Amino acid sequence: MKIVEIFHLQTGATVFTGSLIGEKKMFKDSRMQLSIDNKEDRIVNIAGEMLTNRPHPLGYRGISTYDSIELTSDFVKSHECKLIEIEQ
């Protein structure tokens, strides 16, 4: 996933929003590598995918985690941030 926005919810969840790279599948209970400017940053435990009533016009999807994520919206918009699936 190429991350274009990040949201920190009151429930404690963080939602990464962006376009998927490669296979279009659902994400739940998996792990992904967070990459910032093409450098591995950390492993993120994915809780699931945030579903909406209708698809985003640009095909963006939302993937959530309860891991502590310090990234801000401004940071994500000014850096190349990606979530890369770790093969199970």
Protein backbone atom coordinates (compact mmCIF):
# COMPACT_ATOMS: atom_id res chain seq x y z
CA MET A 1 0.00 0.00 0.00
CA LYS A 2 1.24 3.45 -0.90
CA ILE A 3 0.07 5.51 2.09
CA VAL A 4 -1.50 8.87 1.23
CA GLU A 5 -3.16 9.68 4.58
CA ILE A 6 -3.16 8.51 8.18
CA PHE A 7 -5.87 8.85 10.82
CA HIS A 8 -5.59 8.32 14.57
CA LEU A 9 -9.01 7.33 15.96
CA GLN A 10 -10.29 7.79 19.52
CA THR A 11 -10.63 4.00 19.79
CA GLY A 12 -6.83 3.76 19.72
CA ALA A 13 -6.72 2.50 16.15
CA THR A 14 -4.59 4.06 13.45
CA VAL A 15 -5.88 3.85 9.88
CA PHE A 16 -3.54 3.98 6.89
CA THR A 17 -5.30 5.08 3.71
CA GLY A 18 -3.94 4.65 0.22
CA SER A 19 -3.74 2.61 -2.93
CA LEU A 20 -2.80 -1.05 -2.93
CA ILE A 21 0.22 -2.21 -4.87
CA GLY A 22 -0.25 -5.60 -6.52
CA GLU A 23 -2.90 -8.11 -5.52
CA LYS A 24 -6.25 -6.69 -4.34
CA LYS A 25 -7.21 -8.75 -1.31
CA MET A 26 -8.67 -8.19 2.15
CA PHE A 27 -6.33 -7.66 5.09
CA LYS A 28 -6.97 -9.01 8.57
CA ASP A 29 -4.73 -10.31 11.32
CA SER A 30 -1.57 -9.99 9.27
CA ARG A 31 1.78 -8.24 9.52
CA MET A 32 3.19 -5.63 7.17
CA GLN A 33 6.54 -3.88 6.87
CA LEU A 34 6.32 -0.08 7.16
CA SER A 35 8.76 1.54 4.76
CA ILE A 36 9.63 5.25 4.85
CA ASP A 37 11.54 6.73 1.92
CA ASN A 38 12.50 3.19 0.82
CA LYS A 39 13.96 2.30 4.24
CA GLU A 40 12.44 -0.38 6.45
CA ASP A 41 11.04 1.25 9.59
CA ARG A 42 9.08 -1.36 11.58
CA ILE A 43 6.70 -4.30 11.44
CA VAL A 44 3.04 -3.32 11.88
CA ASN A 45 0.36 -5.74 13.10
CA ILE A 46 -2.71 -5.24 10.91
CA ALA A 47 -6.06 -5.54 12.71
CA GLY A 48 -8.19 -5.39 9.58
CA GLU A 49 -9.53 -3.34 6.74
CA MET A 50 -11.93 -0.44 7.27
CA LEU A 51 -14.86 -0.96 4.92
CA THR A 52 -17.07 1.79 3.52
CA ASN A 53 -20.48 1.74 1.88
CA ARG A 54 -19.01 2.73 -1.46
CA PRO A 55 -15.55 2.56 -3.01
CA HIS A 56 -13.29 5.62 -2.94
CA PRO A 57 -13.15 7.34 -6.37
CA LEU A 58 -9.37 6.76 -6.54
CA GLY A 59 -9.60 3.19 -5.24
CA TYR A 60 -8.08 4.01 -1.85
CA ARG A 61 -8.51 1.50 0.95
CA GLY A 62 -8.11 1.78 4.72
CA ILE A 63 -6.02 -0.65 6.78
CA SER A 64 -6.05 -0.39 10.57
CA THR A 65 -3.67 -1.24 13.40
CA TYR A 66 -3.68 -0.86 17.17
CA ASP A 67 0.14 -0.61 17.22
CA SER A 68 1.57 2.70 18.42
CA ILE A 69 2.24 4.74 15.27
CA GLU A 70 3.78 8.21 15.64
CA LEU A 71 3.45 9.29 12.00
CA THR A 72 1.41 12.40 11.27
CA SER A 73 -0.66 13.35 8.26
CA ASP A 74 1.87 16.04 7.29
CA PHE A 75 4.74 13.53 7.53
CA VAL A 76 2.95 10.97 5.36
CA LYS A 77 2.19 13.62 2.74
CA SER A 78 5.83 14.76 2.53
CA HIS A 79 7.52 11.31 2.55
CA GLU A 80 7.14 8.10 0.58
CA CYS A 81 5.43 5.77 3.06
CA LYS A 82 4.40 2.23 2.19
CA LEU A 83 3.04 -0.86 3.89
CA ILE A 84 4.50 -4.01 2.34
CA GLU A 85 2.92 -7.38 2.98
CA ILE A 86 5.08 -9.92 4.77
CA GLU A 87 4.65 -13.40 3.34
CA GLN A 88 3.24 -15.76 5.95
